[in-house]
C-alpha atoms as a PDB file:
ATOM      1  CA  MET A   1     -10.250  -4.885 -20.017  1.00  0.00           C
ATOM      2  CA  ASN A   2      -9.412  -7.649 -17.562  1.00  0.00           C
ATOM      3  CA  ASP A   3      -7.540  -6.431 -14.518  1.00  0.00           C
ATOM      4  CA  THR A   4      -5.314  -8.641 -12.416  1.00  0.00           C
ATOM      5  CA  LEU A   5      -6.594  -8.243  -8.864  1.00  0.00           C
ATOM      6  CA  VAL A   6      -4.213  -9.208  -6.066  1.00  0.00           C
ATOM      7  CA  THR A   7      -4.328  -9.276  -2.293  1.00  0.00           C
ATOM      8  CA  LEU A   8      -0.993  -8.796  -0.533  1.00  0.00           C
ATOM      9  CA  VAL A   9      -0.084  -9.173   3.134  1.00  0.00           C
ATOM     10  CA  GLY A  10       3.029  -7.344   4.290  1.00  0.00           C
ATOM     11  CA  HIS A  11       4.458  -4.268   6.006  1.00  0.00           C
ATOM     12  CA  VAL A  12       4.655  -0.560   5.187  1.00  0.00           C
ATOM     13  CA  ALA A  13       8.258   0.094   4.105  1.00  0.00           C
ATOM     14  CA  THR A  14       8.215   3.888   3.599  1.00  0.00           C
ATOM     15  CA  GLN A  15       6.324   6.915   4.838  1.00  0.00           C
ATOM     16  CA  ILE A  16       3.073   7.714   3.073  1.00  0.00           C
ATOM     17  CA  ASP A  17       3.669  10.311   0.337  1.00  0.00           C
ATOM     18  CA  PHE A  18       0.393  12.285   0.287  1.00  0.00           C
ATOM     19  CA  LYS A  19      -0.346  14.944  -2.340  1.00  0.00           C
ATOM     20  CA  GLU A  20      -3.292  17.045  -3.439  1.00  0.00           C
ATOM     21  CA  THR A  21      -3.479  16.858  -7.231  1.00  0.00           C
ATOM     22  CA  LEU A  22      -5.778  18.416  -9.821  1.00  0.00           C
ATOM     23  CA  THR A  23      -7.711  15.139  -9.981  1.00  0.00           C
ATOM     24  CA  GLY A  24      -7.975  14.824  -6.185  1.00  0.00           C
ATOM     25  CA  PRO A  25      -5.937  13.430  -3.298  1.00  0.00           C
ATOM     26  CA  SER A  26      -3.269  10.831  -4.047  1.00  0.00           C
ATOM     27  CA  ALA A  27      -1.031   8.775  -1.761  1.00  0.00           C
ATOM     28  CA  ARG A  28       1.693   6.243  -2.346  1.00  0.00           C
ATOM     29  CA  PHE A  29       4.044   4.103  -0.297  1.00  0.00           C
ATOM     30  CA  ARG A  30       6.368   1.121  -0.693  1.00  0.00           C
ATOM     31  CA  PHE A  31       5.045  -2.175   0.604  1.00  0.00           C
ATOM     32  CA  ALA A  32       7.273  -5.118   1.603  1.00  0.00           C
ATOM     33  CA  VAL A  33       5.930  -8.656   1.218  1.00  0.00           C
ATOM     34  CA  THR A  34       7.992 -11.505   2.657  1.00  0.00           C
ATOM     35  CA  PRO A  35       6.607 -15.033   2.230  1.00  0.00           C
ATOM     36  CA  ARG A  36       7.167 -17.533   5.037  1.00  0.00           C
ATOM     37  CA  TYR A  37       7.375 -21.264   4.554  1.00  0.00           C
ATOM     38  CA  PHE A  38       8.136 -24.302   6.683  1.00  0.00           C
ATOM     39  CA  ASP A  39      11.525 -25.772   5.751  1.00  0.00           C
ATOM     40  CA  ARG A  40      11.249 -29.519   6.337  1.00  0.00           C
ATOM     41  CA  ARG A  41      15.004 -29.923   6.192  1.00  0.00           C
ATOM     42  CA  THR A  42      15.638 -27.593   9.149  1.00  0.00           C
ATOM     43  CA  GLU A  43      12.166 -28.093  10.660  1.00  0.00           C
ATOM     44  CA  ALA A  44      11.776 -24.352  11.143  1.00  0.00           C
ATOM     45  CA  TRP A  45       9.840 -21.484   9.595  1.00  0.00           C
ATOM     46  CA  THR A  46      11.963 -19.536   7.108  1.00  0.00           C
ATOM     47  CA  ASP A  47      11.538 -16.180   5.364  1.00  0.00           C
ATOM     48  CA  GLY A  48      11.622 -16.149   1.578  1.00  0.00           C
ATOM     49  CA  ALA A  49      12.863 -13.294  -0.599  1.00  0.00           C
ATOM     50  CA  THR A  50      11.157  -9.952   0.070  1.00  0.00           C
ATOM     51  CA  SER A  51       9.271  -8.326  -2.822  1.00  0.00           C
ATOM     52  CA  PHE A  52       8.572  -4.595  -2.857  1.00  0.00           C
ATOM     53  CA  TYR A  53       5.537  -2.951  -4.448  1.00  0.00           C
ATOM     54  CA  THR A  54       4.522   0.677  -4.846  1.00  0.00           C
ATOM     55  CA  VAL A  55       0.959   1.049  -3.590  1.00  0.00           C
ATOM     56  CA  TRP A  56      -1.108   3.934  -4.987  1.00  0.00           C
ATOM     57  CA  ALA A  57      -4.332   5.186  -3.394  1.00  0.00           C
ATOM     58  CA  ARG A  58      -6.664   7.863  -4.709  1.00  0.00           C
ATOM     59  CA  ARG A  59      -9.443  10.100  -3.373  1.00  0.00           C
ATOM     60  CA  VAL A  60     -10.901   9.203   0.046  1.00  0.00           C
ATOM     61  CA  LEU A  61      -8.737   6.095   0.371  1.00  0.00           C
ATOM     62  CA  ALA A  62      -5.632   8.296   0.017  1.00  0.00           C
ATOM     63  CA  VAL A  63      -6.789  10.703   2.733  1.00  0.00           C
ATOM     64  CA  ASN A  64      -7.732   7.908   5.149  1.00  0.00           C
ATOM     65  CA  LEU A  65      -4.531   5.995   4.419  1.00  0.00           C
ATOM     66  CA  ALA A  66      -2.319   9.007   5.101  1.00  0.00           C
ATOM     67  CA  SER A  67      -3.996   9.661   8.445  1.00  0.00           C
ATOM     68  CA  SER A  68      -4.107   6.010   9.573  1.00  0.00           C
ATOM     69  CA  VAL A  69      -0.921   4.209   8.519  1.00  0.00           C
ATOM     70  CA  SER A  70       2.714   4.445   9.659  1.00  0.00           C
ATOM     71  CA  VAL A  71       5.998   2.819   8.624  1.00  0.00           C
ATOM     72  CA  GLY A  72       6.368  -0.768   9.825  1.00  0.00           C
ATOM     73  CA  GLU A  73       2.666  -1.466  10.317  1.00  0.00           C
ATOM     74  CA  PRO A  74       1.276  -4.757   8.966  1.00  0.00           C
ATOM     75  CA  LEU A  75      -1.340  -4.284   6.247  1.00  0.00           C
ATOM     76  CA  VAL A  76      -3.530  -6.198   3.844  1.00  0.00           C
ATOM     77  CA  VAL A  77      -3.675  -4.464   0.449  1.00  0.00           C
ATOM     78  CA  HIS A  78      -6.173  -5.378  -2.273  1.00  0.00           C
ATOM     79  CA  GLY A  79      -5.968  -3.821  -5.732  1.00  0.00           C
ATOM     80  CA  ARG A  80      -5.058  -3.947  -9.393  1.00  0.00           C
ATOM     81  CA  LEU A  81      -1.569  -5.148 -10.289  1.00  0.00           C
ATOM     82  CA  ARG A  82       0.273  -2.982 -12.816  1.00  0.00           C
ATOM     83  CA  VAL A  83       3.724  -3.921 -14.096  1.00  0.00           C
ATOM     84  CA  ARG A  84       5.644  -1.060 -15.682  1.00  0.00           C
ATOM     85  CA  GLU A  85       8.711  -1.390 -17.874  1.00  0.00           C
ATOM     86  CA  GLY A  86      11.171   1.463 -18.111  1.00  0.00           C
ATOM     87  CA  PRO A  87      13.668   2.491 -20.761  1.00  0.00           C
ATOM     88  CA  PRO A  88      17.129   0.948 -20.708  1.00  0.00           C
ATOM     89  CA  ASP A  89      19.572   2.413 -18.219  1.00  0.00           C
ATOM     90  CA  GLY A  90      23.149   3.439 -19.084  1.00  0.00           C
ATOM     91  CA  GLU A  91      24.186  -0.228 -19.353  1.00  0.00           C
ATOM     92  CA  GLY A  92      21.293  -1.196 -21.613  1.00  0.00           C
ATOM     93  CA  ALA A  93      19.302  -3.046 -18.929  1.00  0.00           C
ATOM     94  CA  ARG A  94      15.550  -2.449 -18.725  1.00  0.00           C
ATOM     95  CA  TRP A  95      13.855  -2.036 -15.363  1.00  0.00           C
ATOM     96  CA  PHE A  96      10.484  -3.247 -14.154  1.00  0.00           C
ATOM     97  CA  SER A  97       8.231  -1.949 -11.392  1.00  0.00           C
ATOM     98  CA  ALA A  98       5.233  -3.656  -9.804  1.00  0.00           C
ATOM     99  CA  ASP A  99       2.567  -1.177  -8.717  1.00  0.00           C
ATOM    100  CA  ILE A 100      -0.730  -1.787  -6.962  1.00  0.00           C
ATOM    101  CA  ASP A 101      -3.681   0.561  -7.573  1.00  0.00           C
ATOM    102  CA  ALA A 102      -5.329   0.031  -4.199  1.00  0.00           C
ATOM    103  CA  ILE A 103      -9.034  -0.681  -3.925  1.00  0.00           C
ATOM    104  CA  ALA A 104      -8.944  -1.451  -0.185  1.00  0.00           C
ATOM    105  CA  VAL A 105      -6.284  -1.258   2.538  1.00  0.00           C
ATOM    106  CA  GLY A 106      -6.565  -2.410   6.133  1.00  0.00           C
ATOM    107  CA  HIS A 107      -4.481  -3.356   9.120  1.00  0.00           C
ATOM    108  CA  ASP A 108      -3.626  -7.063   9.419  1.00  0.00           C
ATOM    109  CA  LEU A 109      -5.568  -8.115  12.516  1.00  0.00           C
ATOM    110  CA  ASN A 110      -3.525 -11.319  12.797  1.00  0.00           C
ATOM    111  CA  ARG A 111      -0.744  -9.078  14.085  1.00  0.00           C
ATOM    112  CA  GLY A 112      -2.603  -6.637  16.349  1.00  0.00           C
ATOM    113  CA  THR A 113      -5.802  -4.721  17.008  1.00  0.00           C
ATOM    114  CA  ALA A 114      -7.311  -1.658  15.369  1.00  0.00           C
ATOM    115  CA  ALA A 115     -10.093   0.778  16.212  1.00  0.00           C
ATOM    116  CA  PHE A 116     -12.288   1.931  13.325  1.00  0.00           C
ATOM    117  CA  ARG A 117     -13.412   5.566  13.208  1.00  0.00           C
ATOM    118  CA  ARG A 118     -15.909   6.738  10.614  1.00  0.00           C
ATOM    119  CA  VAL A 119     -14.969   9.926   8.742  1.00  0.00           C
ATOM    120  CA  VAL A 120     -17.614  12.663   8.782  1.00  0.00           C
ATOM    121  CA  LYS A 121     -18.170  14.341   5.423  1.00  0.00           C
ATOM    122  CA  THR A 122     -17.707  18.114   5.505  1.00  0.00           C
ATOM    123  CA  GLU A 123     -19.093  20.847   3.264  1.00  0.00           C
ATOM    124  CA  THR A 124     -15.614  22.162   2.447  1.00  0.00           C
ATOM    125  CA  PRO A 125     -13.165  20.035   0.462  1.00  0.00           C
ATOM    126  CA  LEU A 126     -10.440  18.298   2.437  1.00  0.00           C
ATOM    127  CA  MET A 127      -6.995  19.802   2.008  1.00  0.00           C
ATOM    128  CA  GLY A 128      -5.000  16.908   3.389  1.00  0.00           C
ATOM    129  CA  PRO A 129      -5.062  13.986   5.795  1.00  0.00           C
ATOM    130  CA  GLN A 130      -4.869  16.228   8.861  1.00  0.00           C
ATOM    131  CA  LYS A 131      -8.203  17.939   7.973  1.00  0.00           C
ATOM    132  CA  ALA A 132     -10.418  14.837   8.067  1.00  0.00           C
ATOM    133  CA  ALA A 133     -13.000  14.992  10.823  1.00  0.00           C
ATOM    134  CA  VAL A 134     -13.336  11.758  12.737  1.00  0.00           C
ATOM    135  CA  VAL A 135     -16.010  10.586  15.166  1.00  0.00           C
END
């Protein structure tokens, strides 16, 4: 199967929703992407329409994401694009949702600095983002 891989640059729009599931840790958040372009008519940079995506992370990425990212922070997200279509609502209109199954997530260093800390693997399974040991 051919996946559509995308890389998005934007800001965290909601708190990270972290959960332990039967298949392992899972995290999700809404991600706002606003393109900027130079408007030659006004000779100024202008914001385009904001698009929102639901970003999903699994396993270790979910744990690290939940302990490293806050609302409003600028990120670069790389992952598989999934477009879901829902059943018609009460008025007969269908809805669509764009989700990203994240492969990698990092802070946008064009907008600030970050300090990397390697996670130490433990013998006991992690029970949430607050349990990760960092050196």
